Amino acid sequence: MVAYVGYSGALLDDGAVAVLRRLAERTRLVSAQQWEATRPTTLDQVSDFG
């Protein structure tokens, strides 16, 4: 599974930082070649949040 995680919206409090840290601990870096091998897709859309 490959995921890109962005964080926005709610305040970045201690609880949110703890969750993001636990998520980061379970990740691993991949090279550009490995990333391309996953055949990533993009979805362009307009944000309604200004």
C-alpha atoms as a PDB file:
ATOM      1  CA  MET A   1       0.000   0.000   0.000  1.00  0.00           C
ATOM      2  CA  VAL A   2       1.272   3.451  -0.863  1.00  0.00           C
ATOM      3  CA  ALA A   3      -0.110   6.556   0.754  1.00  0.00           C
ATOM      4  CA  TYR A   4       0.591  10.233   0.749  1.00  0.00           C
ATOM      5  CA  VAL A   5      -0.645  11.866   3.921  1.00  0.00           C
ATOM      6  CA  GLY A   6      -1.432  15.547   4.092  1.00  0.00           C
ATOM      7  CA  TYR A   7      -2.636  17.254   7.231  1.00  0.00           C
ATOM      8  CA  SER A   8      -4.900  20.273   7.318  1.00  0.00           C
ATOM      9  CA  GLY A   9      -8.031  21.458   8.993  1.00  0.00           C
ATOM     10  CA  ALA A  10      -8.098  20.766  12.707  1.00  0.00           C
ATOM     11  CA  LEU A  11      -5.537  22.176  15.078  1.00  0.00           C
ATOM     12  CA  LEU A  12      -2.284  20.263  15.260  1.00  0.00           C
ATOM     13  CA  ASP A  13      -2.554  19.345  18.935  1.00  0.00           C
ATOM     14  CA  ASP A  14      -0.594  16.756  20.914  1.00  0.00           C
ATOM     15  CA  GLY A  15      -3.089  13.995  20.068  1.00  0.00           C
ATOM     16  CA  ALA A  16      -2.838  14.643  16.327  1.00  0.00           C
ATOM     17  CA  VAL A  17       0.954  14.754  16.503  1.00  0.00           C
ATOM     18  CA  ALA A  18       0.987  11.420  18.345  1.00  0.00           C
ATOM     19  CA  VAL A  19      -1.187   9.774  15.689  1.00  0.00           C
ATOM     20  CA  LEU A  20       0.916  11.161  12.833  1.00  0.00           C
ATOM     21  CA  ARG A  21       4.083  10.014  14.592  1.00  0.00           C
ATOM     22  CA  ARG A  22       2.744   6.451  14.976  1.00  0.00           C
ATOM     23  CA  LEU A  23       1.795   6.431  11.310  1.00  0.00           C
ATOM     24  CA  ALA A  24       5.256   7.651  10.316  1.00  0.00           C
ATOM     25  CA  GLU A  25       6.947   4.941  12.383  1.00  0.00           C
ATOM     26  CA  ARG A  26       5.294   2.279  10.212  1.00  0.00           C
ATOM     27  CA  THR A  27       6.370   3.747   6.869  1.00  0.00           C
ATOM     28  CA  ARG A  28       9.332   3.172   4.615  1.00  0.00           C
ATOM     29  CA  LEU A  29      10.866   5.280   1.893  1.00  0.00           C
ATOM     30  CA  VAL A  30      10.785   4.127  -1.698  1.00  0.00           C
ATOM     31  CA  SER A  31      12.959   5.237  -4.573  1.00  0.00           C
ATOM     32  CA  ALA A  32      11.553   7.127  -7.554  1.00  0.00           C
ATOM     33  CA  GLN A  33      11.811   3.906  -9.578  1.00  0.00           C
ATOM     34  CA  GLN A  34       9.892   1.933  -6.949  1.00  0.00           C
ATOM     35  CA  TRP A  35       7.244   4.661  -6.805  1.00  0.00           C
ATOM     36  CA  GLU A  36       6.798   4.676 -10.586  1.00  0.00           C
ATOM     37  CA  ALA A  37       6.498   0.876 -10.510  1.00  0.00           C
ATOM     38  CA  THR A  38       3.314   1.275  -8.437  1.00  0.00           C
ATOM     39  CA  ARG A  39       1.757   3.076 -11.425  1.00  0.00           C
ATOM     40  CA  PRO A  40       0.485   5.995  -9.336  1.00  0.00           C
ATOM     41  CA  THR A  41      -2.544   7.936 -10.516  1.00  0.00           C
ATOM     42  CA  THR A  42      -3.540  11.525  -9.892  1.00  0.00           C
ATOM     43  CA  LEU A  43      -6.896  13.176  -9.563  1.00  0.00           C
ATOM     44  CA  ASP A  44      -7.028  16.905 -10.293  1.00  0.00           C
ATOM     45  CA  GLN A  45      -9.933  18.677  -8.655  1.00  0.00           C
ATOM     46  CA  VAL A  46     -10.884  22.086  -7.357  1.00  0.00           C
ATOM     47  CA  SER A  47     -10.937  22.619  -3.610  1.00  0.00           C
ATOM     48  CA  ASP A  48     -14.092  24.184  -2.215  1.00  0.00           C
ATOM     49  CA  PHE A  49     -12.185  25.324   0.851  1.00  0.00           C
ATOM     50  CA  GLY A  50     -10.657  28.375  -0.823  1.00  0.00           C
END
